[in-house]
Amino acid sequence: MTEQLLKEENLHIIKEIETNPSATQRTVSLKLGISLGKTNYLFKELIKKGLIKIQSFSHNPGKLKKINYLLTEKGIEEKMRLMHHFLQRKELEYIRLREEWEQMTSSNKQEG
């Protein structure tokens, strides 16, 4: 797994948790189009790094625990860092594509 892809997936998970704290790993997995196992792994890593935390709502021993994933202050900082990194990468990609487009259009004008 490339580091870049991992960063993007983490950013998408962080953004999803921020907008929908009650989302399950299964719904996040389906929304992002990644396997449930990989989603589980990414959630565990984000929890281990202290970027998200779990809040449990059900205290009855016979019931399934309802949980919310909450973004920590460290998670908000990481979201900002990842977004900045993502935007820089997209800006460089845009510049490269624009230069390629300009070269193509100028060579077509010269041939015509």
N, C-alpha and C. Protein backbone atom coordinates (compact mmCIF):
# COMPACT_ATOMS: atom_id res chain seq x y z
N MET A 1 0.85 -1.17 0.00
CA MET A 1 0.00 0.00 0.00
C MET A 1 0.89 1.24 0.00
N THR A 2 0.63 2.12 -0.92
CA THR A 2 1.47 3.31 -1.00
C THR A 2 1.13 4.27 0.13
N GLU A 3 2.13 5.01 0.55
CA GLU A 3 1.95 5.97 1.63
C GLU A 3 0.93 7.04 1.24
N GLN A 4 0.95 7.45 -0.03
CA GLN A 4 0.03 8.49 -0.50
C GLN A 4 -1.41 8.01 -0.41
N LEU A 5 -1.66 6.77 -0.84
CA LEU A 5 -3.01 6.23 -0.79
C LEU A 5 -3.48 6.12 0.65
N LEU A 6 -2.60 5.69 1.53
CA LEU A 6 -2.93 5.56 2.94
C LEU A 6 -3.31 6.92 3.53
N LYS A 7 -2.56 7.97 3.18
CA LYS A 7 -2.87 9.32 3.66
C LYS A 7 -4.25 9.76 3.20
N GLU A 8 -4.56 9.49 1.94
CA GLU A 8 -5.86 9.89 1.41
C GLU A 8 -6.98 9.13 2.09
N GLU A 9 -6.78 7.83 2.31
CA GLU A 9 -7.81 7.05 2.98
C GLU A 9 -8.01 7.52 4.41
N ASN A 10 -6.92 7.84 5.10
CA ASN A 10 -7.04 8.37 6.46
C ASN A 10 -7.80 9.69 6.46
N LEU A 11 -7.49 10.55 5.50
CA LEU A 11 -8.19 11.83 5.39
C LEU A 11 -9.68 11.60 5.18
N HIS A 12 -10.04 10.68 4.30
CA HIS A 12 -11.45 10.41 4.03
C HIS A 12 -12.15 9.85 5.28
N ILE A 13 -11.47 8.99 6.01
CA ILE A 13 -12.06 8.45 7.24
C ILE A 13 -12.24 9.56 8.27
N ILE A 14 -11.23 10.38 8.45
CA ILE A 14 -11.31 11.48 9.42
C ILE A 14 -12.47 12.42 9.06
N LYS A 15 -12.59 12.75 7.78
CA LYS A 15 -13.67 13.64 7.35
C LYS A 15 -15.03 12.99 7.58
N GLU A 16 -15.13 11.69 7.32
CA GLU A 16 -16.40 10.98 7.52
C GLU A 16 -16.78 10.94 8.99
N ILE A 17 -15.81 10.69 9.86
CA ILE A 17 -16.07 10.66 11.30
C ILE A 17 -16.49 12.04 11.79
N GLU A 18 -15.86 13.06 11.26
CA GLU A 18 -16.19 14.42 11.66
C GLU A 18 -17.64 14.77 11.31
N THR A 19 -18.09 14.33 10.15
CA THR A 19 -19.45 14.67 9.72
C THR A 19 -20.49 13.68 10.26
N ASN A 20 -20.08 12.44 10.55
CA ASN A 20 -21.03 11.43 11.00
C ASN A 20 -20.39 10.54 12.08
N PRO A 21 -20.34 11.02 13.33
CA PRO A 21 -19.68 10.27 14.40
C PRO A 21 -20.29 8.89 14.66
N SER A 22 -21.55 8.71 14.33
CA SER A 22 -22.20 7.42 14.59
C SER A 22 -22.02 6.43 13.44
N ALA A 23 -21.28 6.81 12.42
CA ALA A 23 -21.03 5.90 11.30
C ALA A 23 -20.32 4.65 11.79
N THR A 24 -20.70 3.53 11.23
CA THR A 24 -20.03 2.28 11.58
C THR A 24 -18.87 2.06 10.62
N GLN A 25 -17.98 1.16 11.00
CA GLN A 25 -16.88 0.84 10.10
C GLN A 25 -17.42 0.27 8.79
N ARG A 26 -18.51 -0.47 8.87
CA ARG A 26 -19.11 -1.04 7.65
C ARG A 26 -19.61 0.05 6.71
N THR A 27 -20.30 1.06 7.25
CA THR A 27 -20.81 2.13 6.38
C THR A 27 -19.66 2.95 5.80
N VAL A 28 -18.63 3.19 6.59
CA VAL A 28 -17.45 3.92 6.09
C VAL A 28 -16.78 3.10 4.99
N SER A 29 -16.67 1.80 5.22
CA SER A 29 -16.06 0.89 4.24
C SER A 29 -16.81 0.96 2.90
N LEU A 30 -18.12 0.88 2.97
CA LEU A 30 -18.93 0.93 1.75
C LEU A 30 -18.83 2.28 1.06
N LYS A 31 -18.87 3.35 1.85
CA LYS A 31 -18.82 4.70 1.27
C LYS A 31 -17.48 4.96 0.57
N LEU A 32 -16.38 4.47 1.18
CA LEU A 32 -15.05 4.72 0.61
C LEU A 32 -14.64 3.67 -0.42
N GLY A 33 -15.39 2.58 -0.49
CA GLY A 33 -15.07 1.54 -1.47
C GLY A 33 -13.82 0.74 -1.10
N ILE A 34 -13.59 0.54 0.19
CA ILE A 34 -12.46 -0.28 0.63
C ILE A 34 -13.00 -1.42 1.49
N SER A 35 -12.22 -2.47 1.64
CA SER A 35 -12.69 -3.63 2.38
C SER A 35 -12.92 -3.30 3.85
N LEU A 36 -13.80 -4.07 4.46
CA LEU A 36 -14.08 -3.88 5.87
C LEU A 36 -12.84 -4.16 6.72
N GLY A 37 -12.06 -5.16 6.34
CA GLY A 37 -10.83 -5.49 7.05
C GLY A 37 -9.83 -4.34 7.02
N LYS A 38 -9.68 -3.72 5.85
CA LYS A 38 -8.77 -2.58 5.72
C LYS A 38 -9.30 -1.39 6.52
N THR A 39 -10.61 -1.19 6.47
CA THR A 39 -11.22 -0.11 7.23
C THR A 39 -10.97 -0.31 8.72
N ASN A 40 -11.15 -1.53 9.19
CA ASN A 40 -10.90 -1.85 10.59
C ASN A 40 -9.45 -1.55 10.96
N TYR A 41 -8.52 -1.95 10.10
CA TYR A 41 -7.10 -1.69 10.33
C TYR A 41 -6.83 -0.19 10.42
N LEU A 42 -7.39 0.59 9.49
CA LEU A 42 -7.18 2.03 9.47
C LEU A 42 -7.77 2.70 10.72
N PHE A 43 -8.96 2.26 11.13
CA PHE A 43 -9.56 2.80 12.35
C PHE A 43 -8.67 2.51 13.55
N LYS A 44 -8.17 1.27 13.66
CA LYS A 44 -7.31 0.92 14.79
C LYS A 44 -6.05 1.78 14.81
N GLU A 45 -5.47 2.03 13.65
CA GLU A 45 -4.27 2.87 13.57
C GLU A 45 -4.57 4.31 13.97
N LEU A 46 -5.71 4.82 13.53
CA LEU A 46 -6.09 6.20 13.88
C LEU A 46 -6.35 6.31 15.38
N ILE A 47 -6.93 5.28 15.97
CA ILE A 47 -7.16 5.27 17.42
C ILE A 47 -5.83 5.18 18.15
N LYS A 48 -4.94 4.29 17.67
CA LYS A 48 -3.63 4.12 18.31
C LYS A 48 -2.82 5.42 18.27
N LYS A 49 -2.94 6.17 17.18
CA LYS A 49 -2.21 7.44 17.05
C LYS A 49 -2.87 8.57 17.84
N GLY A 50 -4.05 8.30 18.39
CA GLY A 50 -4.75 9.32 19.17
C GLY A 50 -5.49 10.33 18.33
N LEU A 51 -5.79 9.99 17.07
CA LEU A 51 -6.47 10.92 16.18
C LEU A 51 -7.98 10.84 16.33
N ILE A 52 -8.47 9.66 16.67
CA ILE A 52 -9.89 9.47 16.97
C ILE A 52 -10.00 8.69 18.27
N LYS A 53 -11.15 8.84 18.91
CA LYS A 53 -11.41 8.05 20.11
C LYS A 53 -12.83 7.50 20.01
N ILE A 54 -13.07 6.48 20.82
CA ILE A 54 -14.37 5.82 20.82
C ILE A 54 -15.15 6.26 22.05
N GLN A 55 -16.43 6.56 21.85
CA GLN A 55 -17.31 6.88 22.95
C GLN A 55 -18.44 5.85 22.93
N SER A 56 -18.62 5.12 24.02
CA SER A 56 -19.64 4.08 24.12
C SER A 56 -20.89 4.65 24.78
N PHE A 57 -22.06 4.25 24.27
CA PHE A 57 -23.31 4.76 24.80
C PHE A 57 -24.13 3.74 25.57
N SER A 58 -23.98 2.47 25.25
CA SER A 58 -24.79 1.45 25.90
C SER A 58 -24.00 0.79 27.01
N HIS A 59 -24.58 0.79 28.21
CA HIS A 59 -23.91 0.19 29.36
C HIS A 59 -24.59 -1.10 29.79
N ASN A 60 -25.65 -1.50 29.11
CA ASN A 60 -26.34 -2.75 29.43
C ASN A 60 -25.51 -3.93 28.94
N PRO A 61 -25.20 -4.89 29.80
CA PRO A 61 -24.34 -6.00 29.39
C PRO A 61 -24.94 -6.88 28.30
N GLY A 62 -26.26 -6.95 28.19
CA GLY A 62 -26.89 -7.82 27.21
C GLY A 62 -27.06 -7.18 25.84
N LYS A 63 -26.84 -5.90 25.73
CA LYS A 63 -27.05 -5.18 24.46
C LYS A 63 -25.74 -4.94 23.75
N LEU A 64 -25.86 -4.81 22.44
CA LEU A 64 -24.68 -4.41 21.67
C LEU A 64 -24.32 -2.99 22.05
N LYS A 65 -23.04 -2.75 22.16
CA LYS A 65 -22.61 -1.40 22.51
C LYS A 65 -22.74 -0.49 21.30
N LYS A 66 -23.37 0.64 21.51
CA LYS A 66 -23.44 1.66 20.48
C LYS A 66 -22.26 2.59 20.70
N ILE A 67 -21.54 2.85 19.65
CA ILE A 67 -20.36 3.70 19.80
C ILE A 67 -20.38 4.83 18.78
N ASN A 68 -19.72 5.88 19.16
CA ASN A 68 -19.45 6.99 18.27
C ASN A 68 -17.94 7.14 18.18
N TYR A 69 -17.47 7.49 17.01
CA TYR A 69 -16.06 7.81 16.83
C TYR A 69 -15.94 9.33 16.87
N LEU A 70 -15.06 9.81 17.71
CA LEU A 70 -14.89 11.25 17.87
C LEU A 70 -13.49 11.67 17.44
N LEU A 71 -13.44 12.76 16.74
CA LEU A 71 -12.17 13.32 16.31
C LEU A 71 -11.54 14.06 17.49
N THR A 72 -10.30 13.77 17.79
CA THR A 72 -9.59 14.44 18.87
C THR A 72 -8.98 15.73 18.34
N GLU A 73 -8.44 16.53 19.25
CA GLU A 73 -7.75 17.76 18.83
C GLU A 73 -6.58 17.40 17.92
N LYS A 74 -5.88 16.35 18.29
CA LYS A 74 -4.77 15.86 17.46
C LYS A 74 -5.28 15.42 16.08
N GLY A 75 -6.48 14.84 16.06
CA GLY A 75 -7.09 14.42 14.81
C GLY A 75 -7.45 15.59 13.92
N ILE A 76 -7.92 16.67 14.53
CA ILE A 76 -8.25 17.88 13.76
C ILE A 76 -6.97 18.46 13.15
N GLU A 77 -5.89 18.48 13.93
CA GLU A 77 -4.61 18.96 13.42
C GLU A 77 -4.11 18.08 12.27
N GLU A 78 -4.28 16.78 12.42
CA GLU A 78 -3.85 15.85 11.35
C GLU A 78 -4.70 16.06 10.10
N LYS A 79 -6.00 16.30 10.28
CA LYS A 79 -6.88 16.57 9.13
C LYS A 79 -6.38 17.78 8.37
N MET A 80 -6.03 18.84 9.10
CA MET A 80 -5.53 20.05 8.46
C MET A 80 -4.22 19.78 7.72
N ARG A 81 -3.33 19.01 8.35
CA ARG A 81 -2.04 18.67 7.73
C ARG A 81 -2.25 17.84 6.47
N LEU A 82 -3.14 16.84 6.55
CA LEU A 82 -3.40 15.99 5.39
C LEU A 82 -4.07 16.77 4.26
N MET A 83 -4.99 17.66 4.61
CA MET A 83 -5.65 18.47 3.59
C MET A 83 -4.65 19.39 2.90
N HIS A 84 -3.75 19.98 3.67
CA HIS A 84 -2.73 20.85 3.09
C HIS A 84 -1.84 20.04 2.13
N HIS A 85 -1.42 18.87 2.57
CA HIS A 85 -0.59 17.99 1.74
C HIS A 85 -1.34 17.60 0.45
N PHE A 86 -2.61 17.23 0.60
CA PHE A 86 -3.43 16.82 -0.53
C PHE A 86 -3.59 17.97 -1.53
N LEU A 87 -3.86 19.18 -1.01
CA LEU A 87 -4.03 20.34 -1.89
C LEU A 87 -2.73 20.69 -2.63
N GLN A 88 -1.59 20.59 -1.94
CA GLN A 88 -0.30 20.84 -2.59
C GLN A 88 -0.09 19.86 -3.74
N ARG A 89 -0.39 18.59 -3.48
CA ARG A 89 -0.20 17.57 -4.51
C ARG A 89 -1.12 17.82 -5.70
N LYS A 90 -2.36 18.20 -5.43
CA LYS A 90 -3.32 18.48 -6.52
C LYS A 90 -2.91 19.73 -7.30
N GLU A 91 -2.36 20.71 -6.62
CA GLU A 91 -1.91 21.93 -7.29
C GLU A 91 -0.77 21.61 -8.25
N LEU A 92 0.18 20.79 -7.79
CA LEU A 92 1.30 20.39 -8.66
C LEU A 92 0.79 19.59 -9.86
N GLU A 93 -0.17 18.73 -9.61
CA GLU A 93 -0.76 17.94 -10.70
C GLU A 93 -1.45 18.86 -11.71
N TYR A 94 -2.18 19.87 -11.21
CA TYR A 94 -2.86 20.82 -12.07
C TYR A 94 -1.84 21.59 -12.92
N ILE A 95 -0.77 22.06 -12.32
CA ILE A 95 0.27 22.82 -13.03
C ILE A 95 0.89 21.95 -14.13
N ARG A 96 1.18 20.71 -13.78
CA ARG A 96 1.78 19.79 -14.76
C ARG A 96 0.82 19.54 -15.94
N LEU A 97 -0.45 19.33 -15.65
CA LEU A 97 -1.43 19.11 -16.71
C LEU A 97 -1.64 20.36 -17.56
N ARG A 98 -1.65 21.55 -16.92
CA ARG A 98 -1.81 22.79 -17.67
C ARG A 98 -0.63 23.01 -18.63
N GLU A 99 0.59 22.73 -18.14
CA GLU A 99 1.77 22.86 -19.00
C GLU A 99 1.70 21.89 -20.18
N GLU A 100 1.26 20.68 -19.90
CA GLU A 100 1.13 19.69 -20.96
C GLU A 100 0.08 20.14 -21.98
N TRP A 101 -1.03 20.67 -21.50
CA TRP A 101 -2.09 21.18 -22.37
C TRP A 101 -1.57 22.33 -23.24
N GLU A 102 -0.83 23.25 -22.64
CA GLU A 102 -0.29 24.38 -23.37
C GLU A 102 0.69 23.92 -24.45
N GLN A 103 1.49 22.92 -24.14
CA GLN A 103 2.42 22.38 -25.14
C GLN A 103 1.66 21.74 -26.29
N MET A 104 0.60 21.00 -25.96
CA MET A 104 -0.19 20.34 -27.01
C MET A 104 -0.87 21.36 -27.90
N THR A 105 -1.46 22.38 -27.30
CA THR A 105 -2.20 23.37 -28.10
C THR A 105 -1.25 24.24 -28.91
N SER A 106 -0.09 24.56 -28.38
CA SER A 106 0.86 25.39 -29.15
C SER A 106 1.47 24.58 -30.30
N SER A 107 1.69 23.29 -30.09
CA SER A 107 2.23 22.46 -31.20
C SER A 107 1.17 22.26 -32.29
N ASN A 108 -0.10 22.19 -31.91
CA ASN A 108 -1.17 22.08 -32.91
C ASN A 108 -1.31 23.35 -33.72
N LYS A 109 -1.12 24.51 -33.09
CA LYS A 109 -1.20 25.79 -33.80
C LYS A 109 -0.05 25.92 -34.80
N GLN A 110 1.14 25.42 -34.40
CA GLN A 110 2.30 25.51 -35.27
C GLN A 110 2.17 24.57 -36.47
N GLU A 111 1.52 23.42 -36.27
CA GLU A 111 1.33 22.46 -37.38
C GLU A 111 0.26 22.92 -38.34
N GLY A 112 -0.72 23.66 -37.81
CA GLY A 112 -1.88 24.06 -38.63
C GLY A 112 -1.62 25.25 -39.41
